[in-house]
């Protein structure tokens, strides 16, 4: 259960990061 919450947080943090990477390309 804790793993799911952690993954959710990571996804929220990495989401804009991935968007930036896509824009950089």
N, C-alpha and C. Protein backbone atom coordinates (compact mmCIF):
# COMPACT_ATOMS: atom_id res chain seq x y z
N UNK A 1 0.84 -1.20 0.00
CA UNK A 1 0.00 0.00 0.00
C UNK A 1 0.88 1.25 0.00
N UNK A 2 1.87 1.27 0.87
CA UNK A 2 2.76 2.42 0.93
C UNK A 2 3.49 2.60 -0.40
N UNK A 3 3.79 1.48 -1.05
CA UNK A 3 4.49 1.55 -2.34
C UNK A 3 3.63 2.28 -3.37
N UNK A 4 2.33 1.99 -3.36
CA UNK A 4 1.43 2.63 -4.32
C UNK A 4 1.42 4.14 -4.10
N UNK A 5 1.34 4.56 -2.85
CA UNK A 5 1.31 5.99 -2.54
C UNK A 5 2.62 6.64 -2.98
N UNK A 6 3.72 5.95 -2.75
CA UNK A 6 5.03 6.49 -3.13
C UNK A 6 5.10 6.63 -4.65
N UNK A 7 4.64 5.61 -5.36
CA UNK A 7 4.66 5.65 -6.83
C UNK A 7 3.80 6.81 -7.33
N UNK A 8 2.66 7.01 -6.68
CA UNK A 8 1.77 8.10 -7.07
C UNK A 8 2.50 9.44 -6.94
N UNK A 9 3.19 9.62 -5.81
CA UNK A 9 3.93 10.86 -5.58
C UNK A 9 5.01 11.04 -6.64
N UNK A 10 5.73 9.96 -6.93
CA UNK A 10 6.81 10.03 -7.91
C UNK A 10 6.25 10.41 -9.28
N UNK A 11 5.12 9.81 -9.62
CA UNK A 11 4.52 10.12 -10.92
C UNK A 11 4.15 11.60 -11.00
N UNK A 12 3.59 12.13 -9.92
CA UNK A 12 3.20 13.54 -9.91
C UNK A 12 4.42 14.44 -10.05
N UNK A 13 5.52 14.02 -9.41
CA UNK A 13 6.74 14.84 -9.47
C UNK A 13 7.41 14.72 -10.84
N UNK A 14 7.36 13.52 -11.42
CA UNK A 14 8.06 13.30 -12.69
C UNK A 14 7.23 13.72 -13.89
N UNK A 15 5.93 13.84 -13.70
CA UNK A 15 5.06 14.18 -14.84
C UNK A 15 5.53 15.46 -15.55
N UNK A 16 5.66 16.60 -14.85
CA UNK A 16 6.14 17.83 -15.51
C UNK A 16 7.55 17.66 -16.04
N UNK A 17 8.36 16.84 -15.37
CA UNK A 17 9.73 16.62 -15.82
C UNK A 17 9.73 15.93 -17.18
N UNK A 18 8.86 14.94 -17.35
CA UNK A 18 8.77 14.23 -18.63
C UNK A 18 8.24 15.19 -19.70
N UNK A 19 7.31 16.04 -19.31
CA UNK A 19 6.76 17.00 -20.27
C UNK A 19 7.87 17.93 -20.76
N UNK A 20 8.74 18.36 -19.85
CA UNK A 20 9.85 19.24 -20.23
C UNK A 20 10.78 18.52 -21.19
N UNK A 21 11.05 17.26 -20.92
CA UNK A 21 11.95 16.48 -21.77
C UNK A 21 11.33 16.37 -23.17
N UNK A 22 10.04 16.15 -23.24
CA UNK A 22 9.37 16.03 -24.53
C UNK A 22 9.43 17.37 -25.27
N UNK A 23 9.27 18.46 -24.53
CA UNK A 23 9.33 19.77 -25.17
C UNK A 23 10.74 20.08 -25.65
N UNK A 24 11.74 19.63 -24.89
CA UNK A 24 13.14 19.89 -25.24
C UNK A 24 13.46 19.26 -26.59
N UNK A 25 12.87 18.07 -26.83
CA UNK A 25 13.10 17.40 -28.11
C UNK A 25 12.36 18.17 -29.18
